Amino acid sequence: MRITSNFDSGNIQVIRAEQPDDIQLAINKDNQSDFFQWFHFKLDSTPFINHKLTIQNVDKAAYPDGWQNYQAVASYDREEWFRVDTEFDGTNLHIDHTPEHDITYFAYFAPYSYERHLDLISWAQTCFDCRHEHLGETLDGRDMSLLVVGQPEEGKKKIWITARQHPGETMAEWLIEGLLERLLDEDDGVGRSLLDKAVLYIVPNMNPDGSARGHLRTNANGANLNREWQSPSQENSPEVLYVLNKMQQTGVDMFLDVHGDEALPYNFVAGSEGTPSYNARIETLENRFKQAFLMATPEFQDEVGYPKDEPGKANLTVACNAVAHQFDCLAYTLEMPFKDNINLADAAYGWSPKRSKQLGEDVLIAIHAVADHLR
């Protein structure tokens, strides 16, 4: 029996793995950080024997509430990720699984590899309305890639979409993949109509270093990028610095920042109500966006989410608030679950890459609904 995580986005520490019914593991912290929750590892063992895996001390993880009613994902082919029996006892996470093949991969959520990220960028740039722009290099020397979709013209709206500031929130890049597939489909009316009105600036992965390193929430230097938007630096958060500099060049009429939430089993959005610049125009746009999203898919809801900030008390280091305030624009954080959307529960797969991609297609309908009204 062998357990390893020496691959893209791998993260596990093996404490003991001598007997299949008593495998003891732990999750490594993000580099220079106390954050931890993401795990991704490979089990190479005898099939058709029950394996009991314990991940110790997960009650000390970044979001311990995320373990309640959580089911880990597993895969034999690294394409189909299904849920496996998982129990949280208040301290440790227990995974109970009988593998059907020699090798089984386990993860916190279906991984989105750096290679797949590069494939996505390469495919997108070959489409008629899309071009790639290199923004700079990360601390580990990886590319920060921007996809510019649409032909810039006078009067067109500038819509920015970023994903995966927190690298363990892989559902965010799955969403971007689905969004791009629809947006770049020349036979899709929503995509064609939207590109008549707007240019979309899309960063599929804001944190490629943290993604490859197997981090939950931070970059190579231990910085939480979604707390760096007030004063990003080349030394600590170049990823945000590059994107914010480009935003200042292009302007921003709408901003959507895509994330995943560890605890809440819903899809929802969080706005910029607490920013000093928030006004009735932005509120009207928010409502128009949400109503269109609700009509587009039952996967989205607007009853459960984060508490709204009081007027003037928003945290301006957070991307949604910082961009909303600086550019006086509609800005939303879009959150998806690590567990499942319990309004449409799926016991076999939970919230999944396929559903994330579909939500990416559907959110284009809501973006289209507000495009004519952004300024």
Protein backbone atom coordinates (compact mmCIF):
# COMPACT_ATOMS: atom_id res chain seq x y z
CA MET A 1 0.00 0.00 0.00
CA ARG A 2 1.30 3.42 -0.98
CA ILE A 3 -0.06 6.94 -0.52
CA THR A 4 1.47 9.90 -2.31
CA SER A 5 0.65 13.52 -3.18
CA ASN A 6 3.75 14.37 -5.21
CA PHE A 7 1.84 15.81 -8.15
CA ASP A 8 0.01 18.93 -9.27
CA SER A 9 -2.19 20.25 -6.41
CA GLY A 10 -1.31 17.26 -4.22
CA ASN A 11 -1.52 17.71 -0.45
CA ILE A 12 -1.38 15.08 2.26
CA GLN A 13 0.88 13.98 5.09
CA VAL A 14 1.09 10.25 5.79
CA ILE A 15 1.25 9.45 9.49
CA ARG A 16 0.60 5.72 9.25
CA ALA A 17 -0.39 3.52 6.31
CA GLU A 18 0.39 -0.09 7.16
CA GLN A 19 -3.09 -1.60 7.36
CA PRO A 20 -6.00 -0.72 5.04
CA ASP A 21 -8.39 -0.42 7.98
CA ASP A 22 -6.18 2.06 9.88
CA ILE A 23 -4.73 4.71 7.56
CA GLN A 24 -3.83 7.89 9.44
CA LEU A 25 -3.28 11.14 7.50
CA ALA A 26 -3.02 14.90 8.01
CA ILE A 27 -3.33 17.96 5.76
CA ASN A 28 -0.33 20.22 5.22
CA LYS A 29 -0.78 23.94 5.82
CA ASP A 30 -0.46 26.47 3.02
CA ASN A 31 3.11 27.75 2.75
CA GLN A 32 3.85 30.50 5.32
CA SER A 33 0.24 30.34 6.48
CA ASP A 34 -2.02 28.66 9.02
CA PHE A 35 -4.71 27.98 6.41
CA PHE A 36 -5.39 24.36 5.55
CA GLN A 37 -8.34 22.36 4.28
CA TRP A 38 -7.52 21.25 0.73
CA PHE A 39 -6.35 17.67 0.30
CA HIS A 40 -5.56 15.65 -2.82
CA PHE A 41 -3.73 12.34 -2.78
CA LYS A 42 -3.38 8.96 -4.47
CA LEU A 43 -3.95 5.58 -2.83
CA ASP A 44 -2.24 2.64 -4.52
CA SER A 45 -3.51 -0.53 -2.86
CA THR A 46 -5.35 -3.81 -3.29
CA PRO A 47 -8.82 -3.41 -4.81
CA PHE A 48 -12.02 -4.83 -3.33
CA ILE A 49 -10.70 -4.52 0.22
CA ASN A 50 -12.35 -1.99 2.52
CA HIS A 51 -10.09 0.95 3.39
CA LYS A 52 -10.63 3.26 6.35
CA LEU A 53 -8.78 6.56 6.10
CA THR A 54 -8.64 9.08 8.94
CA ILE A 55 -7.52 12.66 8.34
CA GLN A 56 -6.55 13.91 11.78
CA ASN A 57 -7.31 17.19 13.53
CA VAL A 58 -9.43 18.73 10.79
CA ASP A 59 -11.30 20.63 13.49
CA LYS A 60 -8.30 23.00 13.38
CA ALA A 61 -8.77 23.64 9.65
CA ALA A 62 -9.65 27.02 8.23
CA TYR A 63 -13.38 26.26 8.11
CA PRO A 64 -14.30 23.45 10.52
CA ASP A 65 -18.01 23.96 9.79
CA GLY A 66 -17.19 22.82 6.26
CA TRP A 67 -16.80 19.23 7.47
CA GLN A 68 -20.40 18.94 8.67
CA ASN A 69 -22.40 16.84 6.17
CA TYR A 70 -19.38 16.81 3.84
CA GLN A 71 -18.51 13.90 1.55
CA ALA A 72 -15.03 13.63 0.01
CA VAL A 73 -14.63 12.96 -3.71
CA ALA A 74 -12.75 10.09 -5.31
CA SER A 75 -11.79 9.06 -8.84
CA TYR A 76 -10.20 6.15 -10.66
CA ASP A 77 -9.59 7.93 -13.96
CA ARG A 78 -9.20 11.56 -12.75
CA GLU A 79 -12.14 12.50 -14.96
CA GLU A 80 -15.20 11.28 -13.04
CA TRP A 81 -15.20 12.38 -9.38
CA PHE A 82 -17.83 10.73 -7.19
CA ARG A 83 -18.68 11.15 -3.52
CA VAL A 84 -17.55 8.55 -0.97
CA ASP A 85 -18.73 7.76 2.55
CA THR A 86 -17.28 10.37 4.88
CA GLU A 87 -17.91 11.21 8.53
CA PHE A 88 -16.68 14.06 10.74
CA ASP A 89 -16.50 13.12 14.43
CA GLY A 90 -15.79 16.63 15.68
CA THR A 91 -12.02 16.22 15.47
CA ASN A 92 -11.12 13.89 12.62
CA LEU A 93 -12.48 13.15 9.16
CA HIS A 94 -13.13 9.47 8.37
CA ILE A 95 -13.34 8.19 4.80
CA ASP A 96 -14.65 4.66 4.28
CA HIS A 97 -14.19 3.24 0.79
CA THR A 98 -13.69 -0.08 -0.98
CA PRO A 99 -11.71 0.67 -4.15
CA GLU A 100 -12.57 -1.11 -7.39
CA HIS A 101 -9.15 -0.56 -8.95
CA ASP A 102 -5.51 -0.48 -7.85
CA ILE A 103 -5.26 3.32 -7.83
CA THR A 104 -7.79 5.70 -6.30
CA TYR A 105 -7.46 9.48 -6.07
CA PHE A 106 -9.13 11.35 -3.22
CA ALA A 107 -9.65 15.12 -3.00
CA TYR A 108 -11.53 17.85 -1.16
CA PHE A 109 -13.22 18.77 -4.44
CA ALA A 110 -12.60 17.73 -8.04
CA PRO A 111 -9.16 19.19 -8.90
CA TYR A 112 -8.58 21.55 -11.81
CA SER A 113 -4.97 20.96 -12.80
CA TYR A 114 -2.47 23.51 -14.06
CA GLU A 115 -2.18 21.46 -17.25
CA ARG A 116 -5.93 21.71 -17.80
CA HIS A 117 -5.64 25.45 -17.11
CA LEU A 118 -3.00 25.73 -19.85
CA ASP A 119 -5.21 23.68 -22.18
CA LEU A 120 -8.13 26.02 -21.49
CA ILE A 121 -6.04 29.11 -22.29
CA SER A 122 -4.65 27.51 -25.46
CA TRP A 123 -8.06 26.40 -26.71
CA ALA A 124 -9.71 29.75 -25.98
CA GLN A 125 -7.08 31.75 -27.87
CA THR A 126 -7.86 29.79 -31.06
CA CYS A 127 -11.48 30.99 -31.04
CA PHE A 128 -12.43 33.88 -33.29
CA ASP A 129 -13.38 36.46 -30.65
CA CYS A 130 -10.69 35.66 -28.07
CA ARG A 131 -7.09 36.64 -27.57
CA HIS A 132 -4.62 35.91 -24.80
CA GLU A 133 -2.68 38.56 -22.92
CA HIS A 134 0.25 37.84 -20.62
CA LEU A 135 -0.02 40.04 -17.51
CA GLY A 136 3.20 38.99 -15.75
CA GLU A 137 4.77 36.19 -13.74
CA THR A 138 3.82 34.88 -10.33
CA LEU A 139 6.28 34.46 -7.47
CA ASP A 140 6.96 30.89 -8.64
CA GLY A 141 7.41 32.08 -12.24
CA ARG A 142 4.08 30.92 -13.65
CA ASP A 143 2.11 32.93 -16.18
CA MET A 144 -0.71 35.24 -15.16
CA SER A 145 -3.04 34.91 -18.13
CA LEU A 146 -5.88 37.18 -19.22
CA LEU A 147 -8.40 36.23 -21.92
CA VAL A 148 -9.90 39.19 -23.75
CA VAL A 149 -13.15 38.11 -25.41
CA GLY A 150 -14.80 40.47 -27.88
CA GLN A 151 -13.67 43.32 -30.08
CA PRO A 152 -13.07 46.57 -28.15
CA GLU A 153 -15.16 49.38 -29.64
CA GLU A 154 -16.44 52.74 -28.50
CA GLY A 155 -19.40 52.35 -26.19
CA LYS A 156 -18.89 48.67 -25.38
CA LYS A 157 -19.09 47.72 -21.72
CA LYS A 158 -16.02 46.34 -19.94
CA ILE A 159 -16.93 43.25 -17.93
CA TRP A 160 -14.26 41.62 -15.75
CA ILE A 161 -14.47 38.07 -14.40
CA THR A 162 -11.85 36.55 -12.09
CA ALA A 163 -11.76 33.10 -10.55
CA ARG A 164 -9.81 31.05 -8.07
CA GLN A 165 -8.19 33.74 -5.96
CA HIS A 166 -8.38 30.95 -3.40
CA PRO A 167 -6.73 28.04 -5.23
CA GLY A 168 -8.54 25.23 -3.43
CA GLU A 169 -11.85 26.58 -4.75
CA THR A 170 -11.48 24.64 -7.97
CA MET A 171 -15.18 24.83 -8.81
CA ALA A 172 -14.46 28.45 -9.79
CA GLU A 173 -12.28 27.47 -12.75
CA TRP A 174 -14.70 24.73 -13.72
CA LEU A 175 -17.33 27.49 -13.93
CA ILE A 176 -15.03 29.58 -16.13
CA GLU A 177 -14.57 26.64 -18.48
CA GLY A 178 -18.32 26.33 -18.97
CA LEU A 179 -18.74 30.09 -19.33
CA LEU A 180 -16.05 30.25 -22.02
CA GLU A 181 -17.47 27.31 -23.94
CA ARG A 182 -20.80 29.08 -24.26
CA LEU A 183 -19.38 32.56 -24.76
CA LEU A 184 -17.12 31.39 -27.59
CA ASP A 185 -19.77 29.26 -29.29
CA GLU A 186 -20.54 31.20 -32.47
CA ASP A 187 -23.95 29.50 -32.68
CA ASP A 188 -25.06 30.60 -29.20
CA GLY A 189 -27.35 33.62 -29.22
CA VAL A 190 -26.60 34.76 -25.67
CA GLY A 191 -22.86 34.80 -26.29
CA ARG A 192 -23.16 36.54 -29.67
CA SER A 193 -25.53 39.18 -28.32
CA LEU A 194 -23.37 39.83 -25.25
CA LEU A 195 -20.25 40.31 -27.37
CA ASP A 196 -22.12 42.91 -29.44
CA LYS A 197 -22.53 44.92 -26.25
CA ALA A 198 -19.40 44.18 -24.22
CA VAL A 199 -15.81 43.04 -24.04
CA LEU A 200 -15.12 40.45 -21.35
CA TYR A 201 -11.79 40.34 -19.54
CA ILE A 202 -11.47 36.91 -17.93
CA VAL A 203 -8.76 35.63 -15.57
CA PRO A 204 -9.46 31.88 -15.28
CA ASN A 205 -6.97 31.37 -12.44
CA MET A 206 -5.85 34.25 -10.21
CA ASN A 207 -3.59 31.97 -8.14
CA PRO A 208 -1.70 29.42 -10.28
CA ASP A 209 1.08 29.02 -7.69
CA GLY A 210 -1.27 28.13 -4.85
CA SER A 211 -3.17 25.83 -7.21
CA ALA A 212 -0.09 23.81 -8.16
CA ARG A 213 1.23 23.77 -4.58
CA GLY A 214 -1.99 22.27 -3.18
CA HIS A 215 -2.98 25.32 -1.12
CA LEU A 216 -6.46 26.08 0.09
CA ARG A 217 -6.40 29.86 0.23
CA THR A 218 -3.03 31.53 -0.38
CA ASN A 219 -0.36 32.15 -2.98
CA ALA A 220 3.29 30.98 -2.86
CA ASN A 221 4.10 33.62 -0.25
CA GLY A 222 1.19 32.80 2.06
CA ALA A 223 -0.85 35.84 0.98
CA ASN A 224 -4.64 35.62 0.86
CA LEU A 225 -5.15 37.37 -2.47
CA ASN A 226 -8.72 38.33 -1.64
CA ARG A 227 -7.38 40.57 1.11
CA GLU A 228 -4.78 42.31 -1.06
CA TRP A 229 -6.89 44.59 -3.26
CA GLN A 230 -6.36 47.82 -1.37
CA SER A 231 -2.55 47.81 -1.65
CA PRO A 232 -1.16 44.84 -3.64
CA SER A 233 2.60 44.57 -3.99
CA GLN A 234 5.05 42.95 -6.38
CA GLU A 235 6.73 41.22 -3.44
CA ASN A 236 3.62 39.76 -1.79
CA SER A 237 0.70 39.71 -4.23
CA PRO A 238 1.84 40.36 -7.81
CA GLU A 239 -1.20 38.47 -9.12
CA VAL A 240 -3.57 41.15 -7.80
CA LEU A 241 -1.21 43.96 -8.79
CA TYR A 242 -1.17 42.85 -12.43
CA VAL A 243 -4.94 42.51 -12.64
CA LEU A 244 -5.68 45.79 -10.89
CA ASN A 245 -3.22 47.65 -13.12
CA LYS A 246 -4.92 46.22 -16.21
CA MET A 247 -8.35 47.13 -14.83
CA GLN A 248 -7.17 50.72 -14.47
CA GLN A 249 -6.15 50.69 -18.13
CA THR A 250 -9.43 49.29 -19.44
CA GLY A 251 -11.96 50.55 -16.90
CA VAL A 252 -14.58 48.29 -15.31
CA ASP A 253 -18.36 48.44 -15.80
CA MET A 254 -19.07 45.11 -14.09
CA PHE A 255 -17.00 42.73 -12.00
CA LEU A 256 -17.71 39.11 -11.06
CA ASP A 257 -15.31 37.29 -8.72
CA VAL A 258 -15.95 33.52 -8.59
CA HIS A 259 -15.36 31.50 -5.40
CA GLY A 260 -16.41 28.41 -3.45
CA ASP A 261 -17.77 28.31 0.10
CA GLU A 262 -16.75 25.48 2.42
CA ALA A 263 -19.78 25.55 4.71
CA LEU A 264 -22.91 26.80 2.92
CA PRO A 265 -24.58 24.23 0.63
CA TYR A 266 -25.97 26.78 -1.83
CA ASN A 267 -25.08 28.93 -4.82
CA PHE A 268 -25.38 32.62 -4.00
CA VAL A 269 -23.91 36.06 -4.59
CA ALA A 270 -22.55 38.71 -2.23
CA GLY A 271 -22.63 42.36 -3.28
CA SER A 272 -20.97 45.63 -2.32
CA GLU A 273 -23.65 47.14 -0.09
CA GLY A 274 -21.14 48.35 2.49
CA THR A 275 -18.91 50.36 0.15
CA PRO A 276 -18.93 54.18 0.41
CA SER A 277 -19.90 54.45 -3.28
CA TYR A 278 -22.94 52.14 -3.07
CA ASN A 279 -26.08 53.81 -4.40
CA ALA A 280 -29.55 53.22 -5.85
CA ARG A 281 -28.17 52.65 -9.36
CA ILE A 282 -25.99 49.78 -8.17
CA GLU A 283 -28.84 48.33 -6.12
CA THR A 284 -31.09 48.32 -9.19
CA LEU A 285 -28.41 46.55 -11.23
CA GLU A 286 -27.93 43.98 -8.45
CA ASN A 287 -31.63 43.19 -8.41
CA ARG A 288 -31.80 42.93 -12.21
CA PHE A 289 -28.84 40.52 -12.20
CA LYS A 290 -30.28 38.32 -9.46
CA GLN A 291 -33.75 38.14 -11.00
CA ALA A 292 -32.30 37.09 -14.35
CA PHE A 293 -30.09 34.49 -12.66
CA LEU A 294 -33.04 33.10 -10.73
CA MET A 295 -35.00 32.77 -13.96
CA ALA A 296 -32.05 31.16 -15.75
CA THR A 297 -31.50 28.26 -13.34
CA PRO A 298 -32.93 26.69 -10.17
CA GLU A 299 -29.33 26.06 -9.08
CA PHE A 300 -29.16 29.71 -7.98
CA GLN A 301 -31.00 31.13 -4.95
CA ASP A 302 -31.06 34.42 -3.06
CA GLU A 303 -32.39 33.44 0.38
CA VAL A 304 -29.23 32.08 2.02
CA GLY A 305 -25.85 33.80 1.84
CA TYR A 306 -23.52 36.12 3.71
CA PRO A 307 -24.82 38.92 5.95
CA LYS A 308 -24.80 42.24 4.14
CA ASP A 309 -22.26 44.82 5.29
CA GLU A 310 -23.60 47.91 6.99
CA PRO A 311 -23.34 51.12 4.95
CA GLY A 312 -19.76 52.37 4.80
CA LYS A 313 -18.34 49.37 6.67
CA ALA A 314 -17.25 47.11 3.81
CA ASN A 315 -13.78 45.60 3.89
CA LEU A 316 -12.08 47.40 1.00
CA THR A 317 -9.22 44.90 0.87
CA VAL A 318 -11.68 42.37 -0.62
CA ALA A 319 -11.84 42.27 -4.42
CA CYS A 320 -15.59 42.76 -4.84
CA ASN A 321 -15.68 45.78 -2.54
CA ALA A 322 -12.42 47.31 -3.76
CA VAL A 323 -13.40 47.14 -7.43
CA ALA A 324 -16.97 48.30 -6.80
CA HIS A 325 -15.70 51.34 -4.91
CA GLN A 326 -12.83 52.27 -7.20
CA PHE A 327 -14.77 51.92 -10.46
CA ASP A 328 -18.30 52.76 -9.24
CA CYS A 329 -19.57 49.57 -10.85
CA LEU A 330 -21.74 46.54 -10.27
CA ALA A 331 -19.60 43.97 -8.46
CA TYR A 332 -20.50 40.55 -7.12
CA THR A 333 -18.77 37.64 -5.47
CA LEU A 334 -20.32 34.42 -6.78
CA GLU A 335 -20.09 31.51 -4.34
CA MET A 336 -20.59 27.79 -5.03
CA PRO A 337 -20.60 24.92 -2.52
CA PHE A 338 -17.92 22.34 -1.81
CA LYS A 339 -20.67 20.01 -0.59
CA ASP A 340 -23.85 20.14 -2.66
CA ASN A 341 -26.64 22.48 -3.55
CA ILE A 342 -29.15 20.99 -1.13
CA ASN A 343 -32.03 22.53 -3.07
CA LEU A 344 -31.18 20.06 -5.86
CA ALA A 345 -29.21 17.40 -4.01
CA ASP A 346 -27.23 14.72 -5.86
CA ALA A 347 -26.12 11.91 -3.54
CA ALA A 348 -23.70 10.40 -6.05
CA TYR A 349 -21.78 13.51 -7.13
CA GLY A 350 -22.85 16.44 -4.97
CA TRP A 351 -21.83 19.78 -6.42
CA SER A 352 -19.57 18.81 -9.30
CA PRO A 353 -17.47 20.05 -12.21
CA LYS A 354 -20.35 19.42 -14.62
CA ARG A 355 -22.78 21.48 -12.55
CA SER A 356 -20.17 24.21 -12.06
CA LYS A 357 -19.69 24.42 -15.82
CA GLN A 358 -23.44 24.61 -16.37
CA LEU A 359 -23.69 27.44 -13.86
CA GLY A 360 -21.00 29.21 -15.86
CA GLU A 361 -23.17 28.93 -18.95
CA ASP A 362 -26.22 30.12 -17.04
CA VAL A 363 -24.56 33.14 -15.43
CA LEU A 364 -24.02 34.57 -18.91
CA ILE A 365 -27.79 35.03 -19.07
CA ALA A 366 -27.69 37.22 -15.95
CA ILE A 367 -24.69 39.18 -17.27
CA HIS A 368 -26.51 39.70 -20.57
CA ALA A 369 -29.57 40.96 -18.70
CA VAL A 370 -27.64 43.83 -17.12
CA ALA A 371 -25.21 44.62 -19.95
CA ASP A 372 -27.33 47.39 -21.52
CA HIS A 373 -27.87 49.08 -18.15
CA LEU A 374 -24.36 49.16 -16.67
CA ARG A 375 -23.76 52.85 -17.41
